[in-house]
N, C-alpha and C. Protein backbone atom coordinates (compact mmCIF):
# COMPACT_ATOMS: atom_id res chain seq x y z
N UNK A 1 0.81 -1.21 0.00
CA UNK A 1 0.00 0.00 0.00
C UNK A 1 0.85 1.26 0.00
N UNK A 2 2.02 1.22 0.68
CA UNK A 2 2.86 2.42 0.73
C UNK A 2 3.39 2.79 -0.65
N UNK A 3 3.48 1.81 -1.57
CA UNK A 3 3.98 2.12 -2.91
C UNK A 3 3.12 3.21 -3.56
N UNK A 4 1.80 3.04 -3.51
CA UNK A 4 0.91 4.02 -4.13
C UNK A 4 0.99 5.37 -3.43
N UNK A 5 1.01 5.34 -2.09
CA UNK A 5 1.04 6.59 -1.34
C UNK A 5 2.33 7.35 -1.60
N UNK A 6 3.45 6.68 -1.52
CA UNK A 6 4.74 7.32 -1.78
C UNK A 6 4.83 7.81 -3.21
N UNK A 7 4.40 6.97 -4.15
CA UNK A 7 4.49 7.34 -5.56
C UNK A 7 3.70 8.61 -5.83
N UNK A 8 2.47 8.67 -5.35
CA UNK A 8 1.63 9.85 -5.60
C UNK A 8 2.19 11.08 -4.91
N UNK A 9 2.75 10.89 -3.72
CA UNK A 9 3.37 12.00 -3.00
C UNK A 9 4.57 12.55 -3.76
N UNK A 10 5.40 11.66 -4.28
CA UNK A 10 6.60 12.08 -5.00
C UNK A 10 6.27 12.71 -6.35
N UNK A 11 5.24 12.19 -7.02
CA UNK A 11 4.81 12.80 -8.29
C UNK A 11 4.34 14.22 -8.04
N UNK A 12 3.58 14.40 -6.97
CA UNK A 12 3.09 15.74 -6.63
C UNK A 12 4.24 16.66 -6.27
N UNK A 13 5.20 16.17 -5.51
CA UNK A 13 6.34 16.97 -5.07
C UNK A 13 7.14 17.49 -6.25
N UNK A 14 7.27 16.66 -7.31
CA UNK A 14 8.11 17.02 -8.46
C UNK A 14 7.28 17.47 -9.67
N UNK A 15 5.97 17.70 -9.45
CA UNK A 15 5.09 18.19 -10.51
C UNK A 15 5.11 17.30 -11.75
N UNK A 16 5.34 16.00 -11.55
CA UNK A 16 5.35 15.06 -12.67
C UNK A 16 6.55 15.18 -13.58
N UNK A 17 7.54 15.98 -13.19
CA UNK A 17 8.72 16.24 -14.02
C UNK A 17 9.79 15.18 -13.76
N UNK A 18 10.02 14.29 -14.73
CA UNK A 18 10.98 13.20 -14.55
C UNK A 18 12.40 13.75 -14.40
N UNK A 19 12.76 14.75 -15.20
CA UNK A 19 14.09 15.32 -15.12
C UNK A 19 14.38 15.91 -13.75
N UNK A 20 13.41 16.63 -13.20
CA UNK A 20 13.56 17.22 -11.88
C UNK A 20 13.69 16.13 -10.82
N UNK A 21 12.91 15.07 -10.99
CA UNK A 21 12.94 13.96 -10.04
C UNK A 21 14.30 13.26 -10.06
N UNK A 22 14.81 12.96 -11.26
CA UNK A 22 16.11 12.28 -11.38
C UNK A 22 17.22 13.13 -10.77
N UNK A 23 17.17 14.42 -11.01
CA UNK A 23 18.17 15.32 -10.45
C UNK A 23 18.12 15.30 -8.92
N UNK A 24 16.91 15.28 -8.38
CA UNK A 24 16.74 15.30 -6.93
C UNK A 24 17.26 14.03 -6.27
N UNK A 25 16.98 12.86 -6.87
CA UNK A 25 17.34 11.61 -6.20
C UNK A 25 18.82 11.24 -6.39
N UNK A 26 19.56 12.06 -7.14
CA UNK A 26 21.01 11.85 -7.19
C UNK A 26 21.67 12.25 -5.86
N UNK A 27 20.91 12.93 -5.03
CA UNK A 27 21.37 13.27 -3.68
C UNK A 27 20.99 12.12 -2.75
N UNK A 28 21.96 11.50 -2.12
CA UNK A 28 21.72 10.35 -1.24
C UNK A 28 20.80 10.71 -0.08
N UNK A 29 20.69 12.02 0.22
CA UNK A 29 19.83 12.47 1.32
C UNK A 29 18.42 12.82 0.87
N UNK A 30 18.10 12.59 -0.39
CA UNK A 30 16.74 12.84 -0.90
C UNK A 30 15.74 12.00 -0.13
N UNK A 31 14.55 12.56 0.11
CA UNK A 31 13.52 11.80 0.83
C UNK A 31 13.10 10.56 0.04
N UNK A 32 13.38 10.55 -1.26
CA UNK A 32 13.03 9.38 -2.07
C UNK A 32 13.65 8.11 -1.50
N UNK A 33 14.89 8.20 -1.05
CA UNK A 33 15.57 6.99 -0.56
C UNK A 33 14.97 6.53 0.76
N UNK A 34 14.45 7.47 1.54
CA UNK A 34 13.72 7.08 2.74
C UNK A 34 12.44 6.35 2.40
N UNK A 35 11.77 6.81 1.33
CA UNK A 35 10.56 6.13 0.85
C UNK A 35 10.90 4.72 0.38
N UNK A 36 12.01 4.59 -0.35
CA UNK A 36 12.44 3.28 -0.83
C UNK A 36 12.65 2.32 0.33
N UNK A 37 13.29 2.80 1.37
CA UNK A 37 13.58 1.93 2.52
C UNK A 37 12.29 1.47 3.18
N UNK A 38 11.34 2.39 3.37
CA UNK A 38 10.08 2.00 3.99
C UNK A 38 9.32 1.01 3.13
N UNK A 39 9.34 1.24 1.80
CA UNK A 39 8.67 0.31 0.90
C UNK A 39 9.32 -1.07 0.97
N UNK A 40 10.64 -1.12 0.94
CA UNK A 40 11.34 -2.41 0.99
C UNK A 40 11.06 -3.13 2.31
N UNK A 41 11.02 -2.39 3.40
CA UNK A 41 10.69 -3.01 4.69
C UNK A 41 9.31 -3.64 4.65
N UNK A 42 8.36 -2.92 4.06
CA UNK A 42 6.99 -3.42 4.00
C UNK A 42 6.90 -4.70 3.17
N UNK A 43 7.58 -4.72 2.03
CA UNK A 43 7.55 -5.89 1.15
C UNK A 43 8.26 -7.07 1.80
N UNK A 44 9.44 -6.84 2.33
CA UNK A 44 10.23 -7.93 2.92
C UNK A 44 9.55 -8.49 4.17
N UNK A 45 8.82 -7.66 4.87
CA UNK A 45 8.14 -8.08 6.10
C UNK A 45 7.09 -9.15 5.81
N UNK A 46 6.55 -9.13 4.59
CA UNK A 46 5.50 -10.09 4.24
C UNK A 46 6.04 -11.33 3.55
N UNK A 47 7.35 -11.41 3.40
CA UNK A 47 7.97 -12.56 2.73
C UNK A 47 8.69 -13.40 3.77
N UNK A 48 8.20 -14.62 3.97
CA UNK A 48 8.77 -15.48 5.00
C UNK A 48 10.27 -15.64 4.91
N UNK A 49 10.77 -15.90 3.71
CA UNK A 49 12.20 -16.15 3.53
C UNK A 49 13.05 -14.90 3.74
N UNK A 50 12.46 -13.74 3.55
CA UNK A 50 13.22 -12.49 3.63
C UNK A 50 12.78 -11.60 4.78
N UNK A 51 11.92 -12.08 5.64
CA UNK A 51 11.40 -11.24 6.73
C UNK A 51 12.53 -10.70 7.61
N UNK A 52 13.54 -11.52 7.83
CA UNK A 52 14.66 -11.09 8.66
C UNK A 52 15.33 -9.83 8.10
N UNK A 53 15.35 -9.72 6.76
CA UNK A 53 16.01 -8.58 6.13
C UNK A 53 15.22 -7.29 6.35
N UNK A 54 13.91 -7.40 6.57
CA UNK A 54 13.11 -6.20 6.81
C UNK A 54 13.58 -5.46 8.06
N UNK A 55 14.19 -6.18 9.01
CA UNK A 55 14.70 -5.56 10.22
C UNK A 55 16.10 -4.97 10.02
N UNK A 56 16.72 -5.29 8.88
CA UNK A 56 18.10 -4.87 8.63
C UNK A 56 18.26 -3.94 7.42
N UNK A 57 17.16 -3.48 6.89
CA UNK A 57 17.21 -2.63 5.69
C UNK A 57 18.13 -1.43 5.90
N UNK A 58 18.01 -0.76 7.04
CA UNK A 58 18.82 0.44 7.27
C UNK A 58 20.31 0.13 7.38
N UNK A 59 20.65 -1.12 7.71
CA UNK A 59 22.06 -1.51 7.79
C UNK A 59 22.70 -1.61 6.41
N UNK A 60 21.90 -2.02 5.43
CA UNK A 60 22.46 -2.34 4.11
C UNK A 60 22.06 -1.39 2.99
N UNK A 61 21.01 -0.59 3.21
CA UNK A 61 20.42 0.17 2.11
C UNK A 61 21.38 1.13 1.43
N UNK A 62 22.24 1.79 2.20
CA UNK A 62 23.11 2.81 1.60
C UNK A 62 24.03 2.20 0.53
N UNK A 63 24.40 0.93 0.72
CA UNK A 63 25.27 0.26 -0.26
C UNK A 63 24.60 0.23 -1.63
N UNK A 64 23.36 -0.21 -1.64
CA UNK A 64 22.68 -0.36 -2.94
C UNK A 64 22.16 0.99 -3.45
N UNK A 65 21.87 1.92 -2.56
CA UNK A 65 21.40 3.23 -2.99
C UNK A 65 22.50 4.01 -3.72
N UNK A 66 23.71 3.93 -3.21
CA UNK A 66 24.83 4.59 -3.90
C UNK A 66 25.06 3.97 -5.27
N UNK A 67 24.91 2.65 -5.35
CA UNK A 67 25.07 1.96 -6.64
C UNK A 67 23.96 2.37 -7.61
N UNK A 68 22.74 2.49 -7.11
CA UNK A 68 21.62 2.91 -7.96
C UNK A 68 21.83 4.33 -8.47
N UNK A 69 22.31 5.21 -7.61
CA UNK A 69 22.58 6.59 -8.03
C UNK A 69 23.63 6.63 -9.13
N UNK A 70 24.66 5.82 -8.99
CA UNK A 70 25.72 5.77 -10.01
C UNK A 70 25.21 5.27 -11.36
N UNK A 71 24.15 4.47 -11.33
CA UNK A 71 23.63 3.88 -12.57
C UNK A 71 22.46 4.67 -13.16
N UNK A 72 22.00 5.70 -12.46
CA UNK A 72 20.80 6.42 -12.90
C UNK A 72 20.91 6.92 -14.34
N UNK A 73 21.99 7.62 -14.66
CA UNK A 73 22.12 8.20 -16.01
C UNK A 73 22.10 7.11 -17.07
N UNK A 74 22.76 6.00 -16.81
CA UNK A 74 22.78 4.89 -17.76
C UNK A 74 21.39 4.31 -17.94
N UNK A 75 20.67 4.12 -16.85
CA UNK A 75 19.31 3.57 -16.93
C UNK A 75 18.39 4.50 -17.70
N UNK A 76 18.53 5.81 -17.45
CA UNK A 76 17.64 6.78 -18.09
C UNK A 76 17.90 6.89 -19.58
N UNK A 77 19.18 6.83 -20.00
CA UNK A 77 19.53 7.02 -21.40
C UNK A 77 19.26 5.80 -22.26
N UNK A 78 19.64 4.63 -21.78
CA UNK A 78 19.48 3.45 -22.63
C UNK A 78 19.14 2.17 -21.86
N UNK A 79 18.85 2.31 -20.58
CA UNK A 79 18.53 1.15 -19.77
C UNK A 79 17.03 0.99 -19.56
N UNK A 80 16.69 0.34 -18.46
CA UNK A 80 15.29 0.04 -18.18
C UNK A 80 14.43 1.28 -18.03
N UNK A 81 14.98 2.36 -17.48
CA UNK A 81 14.19 3.58 -17.29
C UNK A 81 13.94 4.32 -18.59
N UNK A 82 14.73 4.05 -19.62
CA UNK A 82 14.52 4.70 -20.91
C UNK A 82 13.16 4.34 -21.48
N UNK A 83 12.67 3.16 -21.13
CA UNK A 83 11.37 2.71 -21.63
C UNK A 83 10.22 3.32 -20.83
N UNK A 84 10.54 3.96 -19.71
CA UNK A 84 9.50 4.49 -18.84
C UNK A 84 9.59 6.01 -18.70
N UNK A 85 10.38 6.64 -19.60
CA UNK A 85 10.66 8.06 -19.43
C UNK A 85 9.49 8.97 -19.79
N UNK A 86 8.35 8.38 -20.14
CA UNK A 86 7.17 9.19 -20.40
C UNK A 86 6.23 9.22 -19.20
N UNK A 87 6.64 8.58 -18.11
CA UNK A 87 5.76 8.51 -16.94
C UNK A 87 6.59 8.51 -15.66
N UNK A 88 6.43 9.54 -14.85
CA UNK A 88 7.13 9.59 -13.56
C UNK A 88 6.60 8.51 -12.63
N UNK A 89 5.32 8.20 -12.71
CA UNK A 89 4.75 7.14 -11.87
C UNK A 89 5.43 5.81 -12.15
N UNK A 90 5.60 5.47 -13.43
CA UNK A 90 6.24 4.20 -13.78
C UNK A 90 7.72 4.20 -13.37
N UNK A 91 8.36 5.35 -13.50
CA UNK A 91 9.77 5.46 -13.11
C UNK A 91 9.94 5.20 -11.62
N UNK A 92 9.10 5.82 -10.80
CA UNK A 92 9.18 5.64 -9.35
C UNK A 92 8.88 4.20 -8.96
N UNK A 93 7.85 3.62 -9.57
CA UNK A 93 7.49 2.23 -9.27
C UNK A 93 8.64 1.29 -9.59
N UNK A 94 9.29 1.50 -10.74
CA UNK A 94 10.40 0.63 -11.14
C UNK A 94 11.55 0.76 -10.15
N UNK A 95 11.85 1.97 -9.71
CA UNK A 95 12.95 2.18 -8.77
C UNK A 95 12.64 1.58 -7.40
N UNK A 96 11.39 1.66 -6.97
CA UNK A 96 11.01 1.01 -5.71
C UNK A 96 11.30 -0.49 -5.77
N UNK A 97 10.84 -1.12 -6.85
CA UNK A 97 11.03 -2.56 -6.99
C UNK A 97 12.51 -2.91 -7.11
N UNK A 98 13.25 -2.06 -7.80
CA UNK A 98 14.69 -2.29 -7.97
C UNK A 98 15.40 -2.22 -6.61
N UNK A 99 14.98 -1.30 -5.77
CA UNK A 99 15.57 -1.15 -4.44
C UNK A 99 15.42 -2.45 -3.64
N UNK A 100 14.22 -3.00 -3.63
CA UNK A 100 13.98 -4.24 -2.89
C UNK A 100 14.78 -5.40 -3.45
N UNK A 101 14.78 -5.53 -4.77
CA UNK A 101 15.52 -6.63 -5.40
C UNK A 101 17.03 -6.50 -5.18
N UNK A 102 17.52 -5.27 -5.19
CA UNK A 102 18.96 -5.05 -4.97
C UNK A 102 19.36 -5.43 -3.55
N UNK A 103 18.48 -5.17 -2.59
CA UNK A 103 18.76 -5.59 -1.21
C UNK A 103 18.89 -7.11 -1.13
N UNK A 104 17.99 -7.81 -1.80
CA UNK A 104 18.06 -9.28 -1.81
C UNK A 104 19.34 -9.76 -2.48
N UNK A 105 19.73 -9.07 -3.53
CA UNK A 105 20.92 -9.49 -4.28
C UNK A 105 22.21 -9.36 -3.47
N UNK A 106 22.18 -8.56 -2.42
CA UNK A 106 23.36 -8.44 -1.56
C UNK A 106 23.74 -9.79 -0.95
N UNK A 107 22.79 -10.71 -0.94
CA UNK A 107 23.03 -12.02 -0.33
C UNK A 107 23.05 -13.13 -1.38
N UNK A 108 23.27 -12.69 -2.63
CA UNK A 108 23.43 -13.61 -3.75
C UNK A 108 24.89 -13.54 -4.19
N UNK A 109 25.62 -14.63 -4.06
CA UNK A 109 27.06 -14.61 -4.32
C UNK A 109 27.41 -14.27 -5.77
N UNK A 110 26.47 -14.42 -6.67
CA UNK A 110 26.74 -14.09 -8.07
C UNK A 110 26.62 -12.59 -8.34
N UNK A 111 26.14 -11.84 -7.35
CA UNK A 111 25.97 -10.39 -7.47
C UNK A 111 27.27 -9.71 -7.04
N UNK A 112 27.75 -8.76 -7.84
CA UNK A 112 29.07 -8.19 -7.59
C UNK A 112 29.15 -7.42 -6.27
N UNK A 113 28.01 -6.96 -5.76
CA UNK A 113 28.01 -6.24 -4.49
C UNK A 113 27.67 -7.14 -3.30
N UNK A 114 27.65 -8.44 -3.52
CA UNK A 114 27.26 -9.35 -2.43
C UNK A 114 28.20 -9.19 -1.24
N UNK A 115 27.64 -9.37 -0.06
CA UNK A 115 28.39 -9.15 1.18
C UNK A 115 29.05 -10.43 1.66
N UNK A 116 30.21 -10.27 2.26
CA UNK A 116 30.94 -11.43 2.78
C UNK A 116 30.37 -11.83 4.14
N UNK A 117 30.47 -13.10 4.51
CA UNK A 117 29.98 -13.57 5.81
C UNK A 117 30.61 -12.81 6.98
N UNK A 118 31.88 -12.40 6.83
CA UNK A 118 32.55 -11.69 7.93
C UNK A 118 31.89 -10.34 8.19
N UNK A 119 31.44 -9.68 7.10
CA UNK A 119 30.75 -8.40 7.27
C UNK A 119 29.44 -8.59 8.01
N UNK A 120 28.72 -9.64 7.65
CA UNK A 120 27.42 -9.90 8.27
C UNK A 120 27.57 -10.25 9.74
N UNK A 121 28.61 -10.98 10.08
CA UNK A 121 28.80 -11.40 11.47
C UNK A 121 29.02 -10.22 12.40
N UNK A 122 29.55 -9.13 11.86
CA UNK A 122 29.80 -7.95 12.69
C UNK A 122 28.51 -7.24 13.10
N UNK A 123 27.39 -7.60 12.45
CA UNK A 123 26.12 -6.95 12.74
C UNK A 123 25.29 -7.72 13.76
N UNK A 124 25.74 -8.90 14.14
CA UNK A 124 24.92 -9.78 14.96
C UNK A 124 24.49 -9.17 16.28
N UNK A 125 25.36 -8.36 16.89
CA UNK A 125 25.06 -7.84 18.21
C UNK A 125 24.43 -6.45 18.19
N UNK A 126 24.15 -5.94 16.99
CA UNK A 126 23.56 -4.61 16.90
C UNK A 126 22.07 -4.66 17.22
N UNK A 127 21.60 -3.60 17.83
CA UNK A 127 20.19 -3.52 18.21
C UNK A 127 19.33 -3.36 16.96
N UNK A 128 18.22 -4.09 16.92
CA UNK A 128 17.27 -3.98 15.81
C UNK A 128 16.21 -2.96 16.19
N UNK A 129 16.01 -1.98 15.33
CA UNK A 129 14.96 -0.98 15.55
C UNK A 129 13.89 -1.21 14.50
N UNK A 130 12.67 -1.47 14.95
CA UNK A 130 11.59 -1.82 14.03
C UNK A 130 10.50 -0.76 14.10
N UNK A 131 10.04 -0.33 12.97
CA UNK A 131 8.98 0.67 12.95
C UNK A 131 7.91 0.27 11.95
N UNK A 132 6.68 0.59 12.28
CA UNK A 132 5.57 0.27 11.38
C UNK A 132 5.01 1.53 10.73
N UNK A 133 5.69 2.67 10.95
CA UNK A 133 5.20 3.91 10.35
C UNK A 133 5.23 3.82 8.84
N UNK A 134 4.19 4.34 8.21
CA UNK A 134 4.13 4.33 6.75
C UNK A 134 5.03 5.41 6.18
N UNK A 135 5.11 6.54 6.86
CA UNK A 135 5.95 7.63 6.37
C UNK A 135 7.02 7.94 7.41
N UNK A 136 8.26 8.11 6.95
CA UNK A 136 9.28 8.56 7.88
C UNK A 136 9.10 10.07 8.10
N UNK A 137 9.85 10.63 9.06
CA UNK A 137 9.62 12.02 9.45
C UNK A 137 9.78 13.00 8.30
N UNK A 138 10.82 12.83 7.49
CA UNK A 138 11.07 13.78 6.41
C UNK A 138 9.98 13.71 5.35
N UNK A 139 9.50 12.49 5.06
CA UNK A 139 8.43 12.34 4.08
C UNK A 139 7.13 12.91 4.62
N UNK A 140 6.89 12.69 5.90
CA UNK A 140 5.68 13.22 6.52
C UNK A 140 5.64 14.74 6.44
N UNK A 141 6.79 15.39 6.64
CA UNK A 141 6.83 16.84 6.56
C UNK A 141 6.43 17.32 5.17
N UNK A 142 6.86 16.59 4.13
CA UNK A 142 6.47 16.94 2.77
C UNK A 142 4.96 16.79 2.59
N UNK A 143 4.41 15.72 3.13
CA UNK A 143 2.98 15.46 3.00
C UNK A 143 2.17 16.55 3.72
N UNK A 144 2.65 16.96 4.89
CA UNK A 144 1.92 17.95 5.68
C UNK A 144 1.91 19.33 5.02
N UNK A 145 2.81 19.56 4.06
CA UNK A 145 2.84 20.84 3.36
C UNK A 145 1.64 21.00 2.43
N UNK A 146 1.05 19.90 2.01
CA UNK A 146 -0.05 19.96 1.07
C UNK A 146 -1.31 20.50 1.76
N UNK A 147 -2.15 21.18 0.97
CA UNK A 147 -3.41 21.64 1.54
C UNK A 147 -4.41 20.48 1.59
N UNK A 148 -5.57 20.76 2.16
CA UNK A 148 -6.56 19.70 2.38
C UNK A 148 -6.95 19.01 1.09
N UNK A 149 -7.18 19.77 0.04
CA UNK A 149 -7.63 19.18 -1.22
C UNK A 149 -6.57 18.28 -1.85
N UNK A 150 -5.30 18.68 -1.72
CA UNK A 150 -4.22 17.85 -2.26
C UNK A 150 -4.09 16.55 -1.49
N UNK A 151 -4.22 16.62 -0.16
CA UNK A 151 -4.18 15.41 0.66
C UNK A 151 -5.32 14.46 0.28
N UNK A 152 -6.50 15.03 0.13
CA UNK A 152 -7.66 14.21 -0.23
C UNK A 152 -7.45 13.53 -1.57
N UNK A 153 -6.92 14.27 -2.54
CA UNK A 153 -6.69 13.70 -3.87
C UNK A 153 -5.75 12.50 -3.80
N UNK A 154 -4.66 12.63 -3.02
CA UNK A 154 -3.70 11.54 -2.89
C UNK A 154 -4.33 10.35 -2.17
N UNK A 155 -5.06 10.61 -1.09
CA UNK A 155 -5.65 9.52 -0.30
C UNK A 155 -6.76 8.80 -1.07
N UNK A 156 -7.53 9.55 -1.86
CA UNK A 156 -8.56 8.90 -2.68
C UNK A 156 -7.91 7.97 -3.70
N UNK A 157 -6.78 8.40 -4.25
CA UNK A 157 -6.08 7.55 -5.21
C UNK A 157 -5.53 6.30 -4.52
N UNK A 158 -5.03 6.46 -3.30
CA UNK A 158 -4.58 5.30 -2.53
C UNK A 158 -5.73 4.32 -2.33
N UNK A 159 -6.91 4.84 -2.00
CA UNK A 159 -8.08 3.98 -1.81
C UNK A 159 -8.44 3.24 -3.10
N UNK A 160 -8.49 3.98 -4.20
CA UNK A 160 -8.85 3.36 -5.48
C UNK A 160 -7.82 2.32 -5.91
N UNK A 161 -6.54 2.63 -5.69
CA UNK A 161 -5.47 1.70 -6.09
C UNK A 161 -5.49 0.43 -5.26
N UNK A 162 -6.10 0.49 -4.07
CA UNK A 162 -6.13 -0.67 -3.18
C UNK A 162 -7.53 -1.27 -3.07
N UNK A 163 -8.36 -1.02 -4.07
CA UNK A 163 -9.73 -1.52 -4.05
C UNK A 163 -9.79 -3.03 -3.89
N UNK A 164 -8.84 -3.72 -4.52
CA UNK A 164 -8.85 -5.19 -4.48
C UNK A 164 -7.84 -5.75 -3.48
N UNK A 165 -7.34 -4.89 -2.61
CA UNK A 165 -6.41 -5.33 -1.56
C UNK A 165 -7.24 -5.75 -0.35
N UNK A 166 -7.26 -7.05 -0.07
CA UNK A 166 -8.11 -7.56 1.00
C UNK A 166 -7.65 -7.10 2.38
N UNK A 167 -6.41 -6.65 2.49
CA UNK A 167 -5.87 -6.26 3.79
C UNK A 167 -5.97 -4.75 4.05
N UNK A 168 -6.57 -4.04 3.11
CA UNK A 168 -6.70 -2.59 3.28
C UNK A 168 -8.18 -2.23 3.23
N UNK A 169 -8.70 -1.67 4.33
CA UNK A 169 -10.12 -1.36 4.40
C UNK A 169 -10.35 0.04 4.96
N UNK A 170 -11.61 0.35 5.24
CA UNK A 170 -11.96 1.69 5.69
C UNK A 170 -11.26 2.05 7.00
N UNK A 171 -11.09 1.07 7.88
CA UNK A 171 -10.41 1.34 9.15
C UNK A 171 -8.96 1.76 8.91
N UNK A 172 -8.32 1.12 7.94
CA UNK A 172 -6.95 1.50 7.60
C UNK A 172 -6.90 2.93 7.05
N UNK A 173 -7.89 3.28 6.23
CA UNK A 173 -7.94 4.63 5.69
C UNK A 173 -8.18 5.65 6.81
N UNK A 174 -9.02 5.30 7.77
CA UNK A 174 -9.25 6.19 8.91
C UNK A 174 -7.96 6.42 9.70
N UNK A 175 -7.19 5.35 9.88
CA UNK A 175 -5.91 5.47 10.59
C UNK A 175 -4.94 6.37 9.83
N UNK A 176 -4.91 6.21 8.49
CA UNK A 176 -4.03 7.05 7.67
C UNK A 176 -4.39 8.52 7.83
N UNK A 177 -5.67 8.81 7.73
CA UNK A 177 -6.12 10.20 7.82
C UNK A 177 -5.79 10.81 9.18
N UNK A 178 -6.02 10.04 10.24
CA UNK A 178 -5.77 10.54 11.59
C UNK A 178 -4.28 10.75 11.82
N UNK A 179 -3.47 9.81 11.35
CA UNK A 179 -2.04 9.86 11.61
C UNK A 179 -1.35 10.98 10.86
N UNK A 180 -1.84 11.28 9.63
CA UNK A 180 -1.13 12.24 8.79
C UNK A 180 -1.88 13.54 8.55
N UNK A 181 -2.81 13.85 9.48
CA UNK A 181 -3.42 15.17 9.46
C UNK A 181 -4.33 15.45 8.29
N UNK A 182 -4.98 14.43 7.75
CA UNK A 182 -5.92 14.61 6.64
C UNK A 182 -7.35 14.53 7.18
N UNK A 183 -8.32 15.08 6.44
CA UNK A 183 -9.71 14.98 6.87
C UNK A 183 -10.15 13.52 6.97
N UNK A 184 -11.12 13.20 7.81
CA UNK A 184 -11.58 11.81 7.93
C UNK A 184 -12.18 11.32 6.62
N UNK A 185 -12.10 10.02 6.35
CA UNK A 185 -12.54 9.48 5.06
C UNK A 185 -14.01 9.73 4.74
N UNK A 186 -14.87 9.82 5.78
CA UNK A 186 -16.29 10.05 5.48
C UNK A 186 -16.54 11.42 4.87
N UNK A 187 -15.52 12.31 4.94
CA UNK A 187 -15.69 13.64 4.35
C UNK A 187 -15.39 13.66 2.85
N UNK A 188 -14.73 12.61 2.35
CA UNK A 188 -14.43 12.58 0.91
C UNK A 188 -14.72 11.23 0.25
N UNK A 189 -15.12 10.23 1.03
CA UNK A 189 -15.56 8.95 0.48
C UNK A 189 -17.01 8.73 0.87
N UNK A 190 -17.78 8.10 0.00
CA UNK A 190 -19.17 7.79 0.32
C UNK A 190 -19.19 6.53 1.19
N UNK A 191 -18.97 6.71 2.49
CA UNK A 191 -18.81 5.56 3.38
C UNK A 191 -20.10 4.77 3.57
N UNK A 192 -21.24 5.36 3.25
CA UNK A 192 -22.50 4.62 3.40
C UNK A 192 -22.65 3.54 2.35
N UNK A 193 -22.03 3.76 1.19
CA UNK A 193 -22.20 2.81 0.09
C UNK A 193 -20.87 2.26 -0.41
N UNK A 194 -19.86 2.30 0.46
CA UNK A 194 -18.54 1.81 0.05
C UNK A 194 -18.60 0.32 -0.19
N UNK A 195 -18.08 -0.11 -1.33
CA UNK A 195 -18.01 -1.52 -1.66
C UNK A 195 -16.56 -1.92 -1.78
N UNK A 196 -16.20 -2.93 -1.03
CA UNK A 196 -14.86 -3.49 -1.13
C UNK A 196 -15.00 -4.98 -1.40
N UNK A 197 -14.00 -5.52 -2.08
CA UNK A 197 -13.99 -6.94 -2.34
C UNK A 197 -13.24 -7.68 -1.24
N UNK A 198 -13.65 -8.91 -0.97
CA UNK A 198 -12.87 -9.77 -0.11
C UNK A 198 -12.96 -11.20 -0.65
N UNK A 199 -12.00 -12.01 -0.29
CA UNK A 199 -11.97 -13.40 -0.75
C UNK A 199 -12.75 -14.26 0.23
N UNK A 200 -13.68 -15.05 -0.28
CA UNK A 200 -14.48 -15.96 0.54
C UNK A 200 -14.36 -17.35 -0.05
N UNK A 201 -14.16 -18.34 0.82
CA UNK A 201 -14.00 -19.70 0.35
C UNK A 201 -15.36 -20.30 0.04
N UNK A 202 -15.51 -20.78 -1.17
CA UNK A 202 -16.75 -21.40 -1.60
C UNK A 202 -16.78 -22.87 -1.17
N UNK A 203 -17.93 -23.52 -1.38
CA UNK A 203 -18.09 -24.91 -0.96
C UNK A 203 -17.13 -25.85 -1.68
N UNK A 204 -16.73 -25.49 -2.89
CA UNK A 204 -15.82 -26.36 -3.65
C UNK A 204 -14.37 -26.19 -3.23
N UNK A 205 -14.13 -25.33 -2.23
CA UNK A 205 -12.77 -25.16 -1.73
C UNK A 205 -12.01 -24.03 -2.37
N UNK A 206 -12.52 -23.50 -3.50
CA UNK A 206 -11.86 -22.39 -4.18
C UNK A 206 -12.31 -21.06 -3.56
N UNK A 207 -11.52 -20.02 -3.83
CA UNK A 207 -11.87 -18.70 -3.32
C UNK A 207 -12.51 -17.87 -4.42
N UNK A 208 -13.50 -17.06 -4.04
CA UNK A 208 -14.15 -16.19 -5.00
C UNK A 208 -14.27 -14.80 -4.39
N UNK A 209 -14.33 -13.79 -5.26
CA UNK A 209 -14.45 -12.41 -4.79
C UNK A 209 -15.90 -12.06 -4.56
N UNK A 210 -16.18 -11.41 -3.42
CA UNK A 210 -17.53 -10.95 -3.13
C UNK A 210 -17.44 -9.52 -2.64
N UNK A 211 -18.56 -8.79 -2.76
CA UNK A 211 -18.61 -7.44 -2.22
C UNK A 211 -18.82 -7.49 -0.72
N UNK A 212 -18.20 -6.56 0.01
CA UNK A 212 -18.49 -6.37 1.42
C UNK A 212 -18.96 -4.95 1.61
N UNK A 213 -19.80 -4.71 2.58
CA UNK A 213 -20.38 -3.38 2.77
C UNK A 213 -20.09 -2.86 4.17
């Protein structure tokens, strides 16, 4: 779910300008990289084999982020991003996914940036800090700069993009609005007639989509 929220926030921040966005994220301190880390944590947290890495993203992320920054111009000119240069949304989505995959590749010996066992052993005694916040502080500050109508536009898009997400419902939207200073969902969504899908097991053992109210 954070992918849509972050993507829409970043598109708004850069006015849909891909060139401006690429220039901004060449700075390792850009809020974009904080968004990438939060997105990767969320994805890895739901993957049994990689859940452990969700607690260690901040330990390893700078390695792959610096590598991604070094490759940006190449990707934009003739690489994977060259095919997406007509859409900032597609560019951001591709980079989010690349960030997560690059973190995994750190533990693939065929990857040139793979980490040695000795490096990993030095991290064993470090304290793990776990957070469930959707937005880090710097990203939240950017979101809070928007006026009410801009916040509503982004949150409505998040709702629409997650229409078929069984784990995201009206209560989650209420929490988002309360946490990030946006109007309550009943002020911009028709909560009396909201229809969401959920998976229900039929008698034959298969799952089917049904409306919930």
